[in-house]
Amino acid sequence: MYRRPGRWGNAADEVANMDGVDRGAGPPARAALSPGDFRPVFHRKPGSRAPDVCALAGRNGMILPRVSEPRRPAPPTLEAGLSQLKTEGIVLRKVDFGDTSAIVSFLTPDRGRVACLAKGMRGKKSPFAPVLDTFNRVDLVCYWKDGRSVQTLGEVSPLEVWGGLKRDVDRFAHAAFLLEMCLHSAGENAPSEDLYGALVSGLRSLEDHADNPRGRTALAAYRLLEALGLAPELAVCADTGCGPEAARWFSWEHGLSETLGNRRVRPEEVAALGRMAAEGVPPAGGPLAEAVFELMARFTAGQLETDFRSLRVLRQVSGGGRPADA
């Protein structure tokens, strides 16, 4: 007989069981099922590429739903022609860009000078703002594309922040001269390991020693020029080849000279220059350090053909004047 669908069955079950047996109000009896009685059924959501729900359908129409394992998100992919660069660098300069971003210039050991766009850096909650302070030495990750002058900064973390240097106006001004030297001399996308090492050494010396910033900056400037292949001749006279004891002049183009130059030098200045070049010893403080620093500063300005803004500020802060040329 035919019965209307009840609580436990459906119309298909009742029609299939028209054998005259009243099965009562309980669930309908089922035959034993074997694994072969089931087939997989996949349900797709509109617009999806893979099934979200898997079910087993029996021969009698029964469906046993089973939720599949969650799909893992696909790994991020880089834009065509884009690569990830992981390196370290020193923050040379920051320039505002747009409403909240900035373009940050780094000196790196393996890529030279690199400019990166730090998106949202000037926002209140940006993680970049406290890390990308000038002078900071940082670990950085940027997304690099050949032929693009400004890369995109991805991650950054501090290595050294030079707190003592930043709290001292005099040392800060001297360190700014070293950064400006690198900003005007470092090439883009060119290995600069020696230049980077000389800058780190110079900043660390100013950080660790509060005394004699003039002499320590003169030594650091010489090392930067040496890394660039532009160091002045201090071992012999550039014009005659005689020993440094014969030097009477200092040239903005060559260094020590016996017969002609831009400024006369005294024997104690020649000796201090020689020790600085041969032994890495900064000139002693006072007038001697002032004179040697001025020689390095004038030589650097001539070699890089740059009027350094940091030198003007430094002379104002330190109250030092430029020695008169003889």
Protein backbone atom coordinates (compact mmCIF):
# COMPACT_ATOMS: atom_id res chain seq x y z
CA MET A 1 0.00 0.00 0.00
CA TYR A 2 1.05 3.60 -0.45
CA ARG A 3 1.68 5.81 2.57
CA ARG A 4 2.22 9.52 2.66
CA PRO A 5 5.75 10.67 3.46
CA GLY A 6 6.32 10.53 7.18
CA ARG A 7 8.85 11.88 9.55
CA TRP A 8 11.53 9.32 8.79
CA GLY A 9 11.14 8.65 5.10
CA ASN A 10 10.49 10.28 1.78
CA ALA A 11 8.20 9.63 -1.11
CA ALA A 12 10.78 7.66 -3.03
CA ASP A 13 11.26 5.28 -0.07
CA GLU A 14 7.50 4.70 0.27
CA VAL A 15 6.97 4.00 -3.38
CA ALA A 16 9.90 1.59 -3.36
CA ASN A 17 8.37 -0.28 -0.40
CA MET A 18 4.83 -0.88 -1.72
CA ASP A 19 5.02 -4.48 -0.64
CA GLY A 20 2.14 -4.27 1.81
CA VAL A 21 4.34 -4.26 4.87
CA ASP A 22 3.59 -1.57 7.38
CA ARG A 23 6.91 -0.40 8.78
CA GLY A 24 5.32 1.70 11.50
CA ALA A 25 6.44 5.12 12.66
CA GLY A 26 10.10 4.24 13.01
CA PRO A 27 12.77 4.81 10.43
CA PRO A 28 12.49 2.64 7.37
CA ALA A 29 14.66 -0.45 7.34
CA ARG A 30 17.68 -0.29 5.10
CA ALA A 31 19.60 -3.04 3.45
CA ALA A 32 23.24 -3.48 4.46
CA LEU A 33 25.45 -1.17 2.47
CA SER A 34 28.90 -1.92 1.12
CA PRO A 35 31.58 0.51 -0.09
CA GLY A 36 30.64 -0.30 -3.65
CA ASP A 37 27.16 1.07 -3.07
CA PHE A 38 28.45 4.64 -2.91
CA ARG A 39 29.71 6.99 -5.53
CA PRO A 40 31.26 10.40 -4.99
CA VAL A 41 29.16 13.44 -5.76
CA PHE A 42 30.75 16.88 -5.90
CA HIS A 43 28.89 20.12 -5.41
CA ARG A 44 30.37 23.29 -6.83
CA LYS A 45 29.72 26.80 -5.64
CA PRO A 46 29.06 29.34 -8.40
CA GLY A 47 32.32 30.74 -9.68
CA SER A 48 34.53 28.27 -7.79
CA ARG A 49 37.20 26.20 -9.49
CA ALA A 50 37.29 23.27 -7.10
CA PRO A 51 34.57 21.36 -5.24
CA ASP A 52 33.80 22.64 -1.77
CA VAL A 53 31.62 19.77 -0.54
CA CYS A 54 32.01 16.10 -1.23
CA ALA A 55 29.16 13.61 -0.61
CA LEU A 56 28.46 9.92 -1.00
CA ALA A 57 25.30 8.93 -2.82
CA GLY A 58 23.84 5.47 -2.36
CA ARG A 59 21.90 3.43 -4.89
CA ASN A 60 18.68 4.23 -3.08
CA GLY A 61 19.30 7.98 -3.32
CA MET A 62 20.62 8.55 0.21
CA ILE A 63 23.20 11.35 0.40
CA LEU A 64 25.76 11.56 3.19
CA PRO A 65 27.31 15.05 3.17
CA ARG A 66 30.95 15.49 4.13
CA VAL A 67 32.81 18.78 4.18
CA SER A 68 36.17 18.57 2.47
CA GLU A 69 39.42 19.81 4.06
CA PRO A 70 39.92 23.59 3.79
CA ARG A 71 42.03 24.61 0.86
CA ARG A 72 45.35 26.28 1.57
CA PRO A 73 45.77 29.79 0.15
CA ALA A 74 48.00 29.96 -2.86
CA PRO A 75 51.48 31.37 -2.14
CA PRO A 76 51.89 35.01 -3.14
CA THR A 77 53.25 35.50 -6.61
CA LEU A 78 55.47 38.34 -7.78
CA GLU A 79 54.66 40.49 -10.73
CA ALA A 80 56.37 39.47 -13.93
CA GLY A 81 59.95 40.74 -13.95
CA LEU A 82 59.87 41.43 -10.20
CA SER A 83 62.35 39.88 -7.76
CA GLN A 84 62.80 40.06 -4.01
CA LEU A 85 65.98 41.71 -2.73
CA LYS A 86 67.12 41.03 0.83
CA THR A 87 70.04 43.10 2.04
CA GLU A 88 71.10 45.62 4.66
CA GLY A 89 71.59 49.33 4.26
CA ILE A 90 72.07 52.72 5.87
CA VAL A 91 69.37 55.37 5.52
CA LEU A 92 70.94 58.29 3.64
CA ARG A 93 67.94 60.50 2.93
CA LYS A 94 64.13 60.66 3.03
CA VAL A 95 61.90 62.67 0.69
CA ASP A 96 58.13 63.02 1.20
CA PHE A 97 56.01 61.47 -1.55
CA GLY A 98 52.25 61.94 -1.77
CA ASP A 99 50.17 62.38 1.36
CA THR A 100 51.57 59.59 3.54
CA SER A 101 54.49 57.93 1.74
CA ALA A 102 58.19 58.71 1.35
CA ILE A 103 61.07 57.81 -0.94
CA VAL A 104 64.01 56.55 1.13
CA SER A 105 67.57 56.34 -0.21
CA PHE A 106 69.80 53.59 1.19
CA LEU A 107 73.45 52.74 0.78
CA THR A 108 73.70 48.94 0.45
CA PRO A 109 76.79 46.74 0.09
CA ASP A 110 75.58 44.74 -2.92
CA ARG A 111 73.46 47.26 -4.87
CA GLY A 112 75.06 50.60 -4.02
CA ARG A 113 72.56 53.43 -3.70
CA VAL A 114 68.96 52.19 -3.73
CA ALA A 115 65.82 54.34 -3.63
CA CYS A 116 62.68 52.68 -2.24
CA LEU A 117 59.09 53.81 -1.92
CA ALA A 118 57.93 53.31 1.68
CA LYS A 119 54.15 53.32 1.31
CA GLY A 120 52.27 54.92 4.19
CA MET A 121 55.49 55.62 6.12
CA ARG A 122 54.25 58.98 7.38
CA GLY A 123 51.00 57.54 8.68
CA LYS A 124 50.41 57.37 12.42
CA LYS A 125 50.41 53.57 12.62
CA SER A 126 53.11 52.85 10.05
CA PRO A 127 55.75 50.31 11.18
CA PHE A 128 58.28 52.03 8.90
CA ALA A 129 58.37 55.42 10.66
CA PRO A 130 60.44 54.55 13.77
CA VAL A 131 62.87 52.36 11.84
CA LEU A 132 63.64 54.53 8.81
CA ASP A 133 65.38 57.34 10.66
CA THR A 134 68.39 58.95 8.98
CA PHE A 135 71.73 57.21 9.80
CA ASN A 136 69.97 53.97 10.87
CA ARG A 137 71.52 50.70 9.73
CA VAL A 138 68.70 48.29 8.85
CA ASP A 139 67.82 44.94 7.37
CA LEU A 140 65.48 45.48 4.44
CA VAL A 141 63.44 43.57 1.88
CA CYS A 142 62.36 45.33 -1.29
CA TYR A 143 60.69 44.25 -4.51
CA TRP A 144 63.15 44.89 -7.31
CA LYS A 145 62.46 45.45 -10.98
CA ASP A 146 65.26 46.15 -13.43
CA GLY A 147 64.93 49.46 -15.19
CA ARG A 148 62.88 51.04 -12.42
CA SER A 149 64.55 53.92 -10.56
CA VAL A 150 62.44 53.58 -7.39
CA GLN A 151 61.80 50.13 -5.92
CA THR A 152 59.05 49.15 -3.45
CA LEU A 153 59.99 48.61 0.18
CA GLY A 154 58.44 45.49 1.72
CA GLU A 155 59.98 44.91 5.16
CA VAL A 156 62.55 46.66 7.35
CA SER A 157 64.05 46.01 10.80
CA PRO A 158 66.73 47.96 12.74
CA LEU A 159 70.33 46.79 13.22
CA GLU A 160 72.03 49.92 14.62
CA VAL A 161 70.41 53.27 15.40
CA TRP A 162 73.41 55.32 16.67
CA GLY A 163 71.54 56.89 19.59
CA GLY A 164 74.59 58.65 21.07
CA LEU A 165 75.52 60.21 17.76
CA LYS A 166 72.02 61.60 17.25
CA ARG A 167 71.89 63.20 20.69
CA ASP A 168 75.07 65.22 20.09
CA VAL A 169 74.58 68.09 17.63
CA ASP A 170 78.30 68.32 16.81
CA ARG A 171 78.73 64.62 16.09
CA PHE A 172 75.43 64.59 14.18
CA ALA A 173 76.66 67.37 11.89
CA HIS A 174 79.95 65.56 11.21
CA ALA A 175 78.13 62.30 10.46
CA ALA A 176 75.83 64.15 8.04
CA PHE A 177 78.90 65.07 5.95
CA LEU A 178 79.80 61.37 5.61
CA LEU A 179 76.24 60.51 4.52
CA GLU A 180 76.23 63.32 1.97
CA MET A 181 79.54 62.07 0.56
CA CYS A 182 77.96 58.64 -0.06
CA LEU A 183 74.77 60.13 -1.44
CA HIS A 184 76.72 62.02 -4.14
CA SER A 185 79.29 59.33 -4.92
CA ALA A 186 77.64 55.89 -4.69
CA GLY A 187 76.43 54.42 -7.95
CA GLU A 188 73.01 52.86 -8.47
CA ASN A 189 72.84 49.07 -8.81
CA ALA A 190 76.60 48.76 -8.35
CA PRO A 191 78.37 46.71 -5.64
CA SER A 192 79.73 49.06 -2.96
CA GLU A 193 81.04 46.78 -0.20
CA ASP A 194 84.14 48.86 0.53
CA LEU A 195 82.21 52.13 0.57
CA TYR A 196 79.53 50.64 2.81
CA GLY A 197 82.11 49.21 5.21
CA ALA A 198 83.94 52.55 5.43
CA LEU A 199 80.69 54.39 6.21
CA VAL A 200 79.70 51.91 8.93
CA SER A 201 83.19 52.20 10.44
CA GLY A 202 83.02 56.00 10.43
CA LEU A 203 79.58 56.17 12.02
CA ARG A 204 80.56 53.62 14.64
CA SER A 205 83.66 55.65 15.54
CA LEU A 206 81.55 58.79 16.03
CA GLU A 207 79.02 56.79 18.04
CA ASP A 208 81.60 55.24 20.39
CA HIS A 209 83.79 58.32 20.93
CA ALA A 210 82.45 61.73 21.87
CA ASP A 211 85.88 63.38 21.68
CA ASN A 212 87.61 64.73 18.58
CA PRO A 213 84.80 64.46 16.01
CA ARG A 214 86.83 66.63 13.58
CA GLY A 215 89.75 64.22 13.50
CA ARG A 216 87.56 61.09 13.35
CA THR A 217 85.51 62.53 10.49
CA ALA A 218 88.70 63.43 8.60
CA LEU A 219 89.82 59.78 8.87
CA ALA A 220 86.39 58.50 7.83
CA ALA A 221 86.33 60.84 4.83
CA TYR A 222 89.76 59.59 3.74
CA ARG A 223 88.55 55.97 3.95
CA LEU A 224 85.46 56.78 1.90
CA LEU A 225 87.62 58.46 -0.77
CA GLU A 226 89.93 55.44 -0.72
CA ALA A 227 86.96 53.10 -1.29
CA LEU A 228 85.91 55.26 -4.25
CA GLY A 229 89.43 55.27 -5.71
CA LEU A 230 89.70 59.04 -5.22
CA ALA A 231 92.01 59.27 -2.20
CA PRO A 232 94.66 62.03 -2.21
CA GLU A 233 98.33 61.15 -2.57
CA LEU A 234 99.80 61.24 0.93
CA ALA A 235 102.77 58.87 0.71
CA VAL A 236 104.81 60.93 -1.79
CA CYS A 237 104.63 64.30 -3.48
CA ALA A 238 102.33 63.94 -6.48
CA ASP A 239 104.31 66.34 -8.69
CA THR A 240 107.90 65.21 -8.06
CA GLY A 241 107.66 61.77 -6.48
CA CYS A 242 109.74 62.84 -3.50
CA GLY A 243 108.93 61.70 0.02
CA PRO A 244 106.23 63.42 2.08
CA GLU A 245 108.87 65.34 4.06
CA ALA A 246 109.47 67.42 0.92
CA ALA A 247 105.82 68.48 0.63
CA ARG A 248 105.08 72.17 0.98
CA TRP A 249 101.67 72.32 -0.65
CA PHE A 250 98.38 70.46 -0.75
CA SER A 251 96.48 70.27 -4.03
CA TRP A 252 92.67 69.82 -4.27
CA GLU A 253 93.31 67.60 -7.29
CA HIS A 254 96.23 65.38 -6.24
CA GLY A 255 97.14 65.76 -2.57
CA LEU A 256 100.66 66.48 -1.30
CA SER A 257 102.80 68.53 -3.64
CA GLU A 258 106.31 69.96 -3.50
CA THR A 259 106.12 72.90 -5.86
CA LEU A 260 102.53 73.92 -6.45
CA GLY A 261 99.13 73.49 -4.83
CA ASN A 262 96.11 75.24 -3.38
CA ARG A 263 97.18 75.54 0.24
CA ARG A 264 100.47 75.47 2.11
CA VAL A 265 100.91 72.68 4.64
CA ARG A 266 103.06 72.57 7.76
CA PRO A 267 105.31 69.61 8.66
CA GLU A 268 103.03 68.54 11.53
CA GLU A 269 100.06 68.46 9.18
CA VAL A 270 102.00 66.34 6.68
CA ALA A 271 102.96 63.93 9.48
CA ALA A 272 99.33 63.68 10.68
CA LEU A 273 98.15 62.99 7.13
CA GLY A 274 100.77 60.25 6.76
CA ARG A 275 99.75 58.51 10.00
CA MET A 276 96.11 58.74 9.04
CA ALA A 277 96.74 57.05 5.68
CA ALA A 278 99.27 54.44 6.80
CA GLU A 279 98.06 53.55 10.31
CA GLY A 280 94.41 54.60 10.37
CA VAL A 281 95.04 57.00 13.27
CA PRO A 282 92.89 60.16 13.37
CA PRO A 283 94.75 63.44 13.85
CA ALA A 284 94.86 64.70 17.42
CA GLY A 285 92.18 67.18 18.44
CA GLY A 286 92.50 70.92 18.39
CA PRO A 287 93.94 73.04 15.57
CA LEU A 288 95.70 70.06 14.00
CA ALA A 289 92.46 68.09 13.61
CA GLU A 290 90.74 71.21 12.33
CA ALA A 291 93.40 71.74 9.66
CA VAL A 292 93.46 68.10 8.49
CA PHE A 293 89.67 67.92 8.38
CA GLU A 294 89.54 71.07 6.27
CA LEU A 295 92.07 69.61 3.83
CA MET A 296 89.94 66.45 3.45
CA ALA A 297 86.73 68.46 3.12
CA ARG A 298 88.13 70.76 0.41
CA PHE A 299 89.69 67.84 -1.45
CA THR A 300 86.40 65.91 -1.33
CA ALA A 301 84.40 68.87 -2.61
CA GLY A 302 86.82 69.23 -5.51
CA GLN A 303 86.82 65.54 -6.42
CA LEU A 304 83.04 65.13 -6.28
CA GLU A 305 82.40 68.63 -7.68
CA THR A 306 79.84 69.26 -4.96
CA ASP A 307 79.16 72.16 -2.63
CA PHE A 308 78.24 70.16 0.46
CA ARG A 309 75.35 71.62 2.40
CA SER A 310 76.43 69.60 5.45
CA LEU A 311 79.79 71.41 5.49
CA ARG A 312 78.09 74.78 5.68
CA VAL A 313 75.92 73.58 8.55
CA LEU A 314 78.88 71.95 10.26
CA ARG A 315 80.92 75.15 10.20
CA GLN A 316 78.00 77.07 11.68
CA VAL A 317 77.39 74.50 14.42
CA SER A 318 81.05 74.09 15.33
CA GLY A 319 81.91 77.74 14.96
CA GLY A 320 84.85 76.86 12.76
CA GLY A 321 85.91 78.96 9.85
CA ARG A 322 87.54 77.89 6.63
CA PRO A 323 91.29 78.34 6.73
CA ALA A 324 92.53 80.95 4.32
CA ASP A 325 94.23 79.57 1.23
CA ALA A 326 97.79 80.68 0.75
